Amino acid sequence: MADAYGILIPVVRKPKRRTFYVDLEGKIAFIDDEVDAGKAGDDVAARLKHLGVAVRS
């Protein structure tokens, strides 16, 4: 999958850390290429809100 999305680091063939937000039609709505694992949960919640994803309770 990382190869298909073009996020492999060339020589070492390891994926870069990225978060892909895919809409209901299967299209990529946003790519976060500055992922900070320590605050990723908050970042994902904020991005989903920005993209207009409804909050479920």
C-alpha atoms as a PDB file:
ATOM      1  CA  MET A   1       0.000   0.000   0.000  1.00  0.00           C
ATOM      2  CA  ALA A   2       2.814   2.393   0.843  1.00  0.00           C
ATOM      3  CA  ASP A   3       4.301   1.803  -2.592  1.00  0.00           C
ATOM      4  CA  ALA A   4       0.934   2.457  -4.258  1.00  0.00           C
ATOM      5  CA  TYR A   5       0.608   5.785  -2.412  1.00  0.00           C
ATOM      6  CA  GLY A   6       4.206   6.725  -3.242  1.00  0.00           C
ATOM      7  CA  ILE A   7       5.389   7.210   0.321  1.00  0.00           C
ATOM      8  CA  LEU A   8       8.330   4.824   0.468  1.00  0.00           C
ATOM      9  CA  ILE A   9      11.724   6.314   1.281  1.00  0.00           C
ATOM     10  CA  PRO A  10      13.831   5.267  -1.732  1.00  0.00           C
ATOM     11  CA  VAL A  11      16.950   3.402  -0.574  1.00  0.00           C
ATOM     12  CA  VAL A  12      15.644   1.908   2.674  1.00  0.00           C
ATOM     13  CA  ARG A  13      12.131   1.205   1.287  1.00  0.00           C
ATOM     14  CA  LYS A  14      10.423   2.204   4.540  1.00  0.00           C
ATOM     15  CA  PRO A  15       7.220   4.245   4.472  1.00  0.00           C
ATOM     16  CA  LYS A  16       7.159   7.860   5.587  1.00  0.00           C
ATOM     17  CA  ARG A  17       4.594   8.603   8.292  1.00  0.00           C
ATOM     18  CA  ARG A  18       1.452   9.992   6.620  1.00  0.00           C
ATOM     19  CA  THR A  19      -2.257  10.157   7.399  1.00  0.00           C
ATOM     20  CA  PHE A  20      -4.650   9.888   4.463  1.00  0.00           C
ATOM     21  CA  TYR A  21      -8.225  11.118   4.904  1.00  0.00           C
ATOM     22  CA  VAL A  22     -10.508   9.327   2.451  1.00  0.00           C
ATOM     23  CA  ASP A  23     -14.044  10.578   1.799  1.00  0.00           C
ATOM     24  CA  LEU A  24     -17.169   8.460   1.369  1.00  0.00           C
ATOM     25  CA  GLU A  25     -16.620   8.292  -2.396  1.00  0.00           C
ATOM     26  CA  GLY A  26     -13.149   6.828  -1.858  1.00  0.00           C
ATOM     27  CA  LYS A  27     -11.289   9.992  -2.890  1.00  0.00           C
ATOM     28  CA  ILE A  28      -8.415  11.372  -0.856  1.00  0.00           C
ATOM     29  CA  ALA A  29      -9.731  14.485   0.891  1.00  0.00           C
ATOM     30  CA  PHE A  30      -6.470  15.448   2.615  1.00  0.00           C
ATOM     31  CA  ILE A  31      -2.962  14.114   3.192  1.00  0.00           C
ATOM     32  CA  ASP A  32      -1.187  15.039   6.412  1.00  0.00           C
ATOM     33  CA  ASP A  33       2.522  14.720   5.727  1.00  0.00           C
ATOM     34  CA  GLU A  34       3.653  16.235   9.020  1.00  0.00           C
ATOM     35  CA  VAL A  35       2.379  13.597  11.432  1.00  0.00           C
ATOM     36  CA  ASP A  36       3.503  13.908  15.048  1.00  0.00           C
ATOM     37  CA  ALA A  37       2.758  10.551  16.686  1.00  0.00           C
ATOM     38  CA  GLY A  38       2.529  12.218  20.109  1.00  0.00           C
ATOM     39  CA  LYS A  39      -0.442  14.359  19.122  1.00  0.00           C
ATOM     40  CA  ALA A  40      -1.846  12.480  16.131  1.00  0.00           C
ATOM     41  CA  GLY A  41      -5.167  11.704  17.834  1.00  0.00           C
ATOM     42  CA  ASP A  42      -5.903  15.379  18.449  1.00  0.00           C
ATOM     43  CA  ASP A  43      -4.724  16.274  14.940  1.00  0.00           C
ATOM     44  CA  VAL A  44      -7.007  13.663  13.357  1.00  0.00           C
ATOM     45  CA  ALA A  45     -10.000  14.881  15.373  1.00  0.00           C
ATOM     46  CA  ALA A  46      -9.316  18.496  14.358  1.00  0.00           C
ATOM     47  CA  ARG A  47      -8.867  17.599  10.681  1.00  0.00           C
ATOM     48  CA  LEU A  48     -12.082  15.557  10.616  1.00  0.00           C
ATOM     49  CA  LYS A  49     -13.929  18.505  12.127  1.00  0.00           C
ATOM     50  CA  HIS A  50     -12.376  20.809   9.511  1.00  0.00           C
ATOM     51  CA  LEU A  51     -13.492  18.399   6.760  1.00  0.00           C
ATOM     52  CA  GLY A  52     -17.050  18.493   8.120  1.00  0.00           C
ATOM     53  CA  VAL A  53     -17.258  14.928   9.376  1.00  0.00           C
ATOM     54  CA  ALA A  54     -20.182  14.583  11.763  1.00  0.00           C
ATOM     55  CA  VAL A  55     -19.388  13.841  15.403  1.00  0.00           C
ATOM     56  CA  ARG A  56     -20.948  10.649  16.742  1.00  0.00           C
ATOM     57  CA  SER A  57     -21.907  10.411  20.373  1.00  0.00           C
END
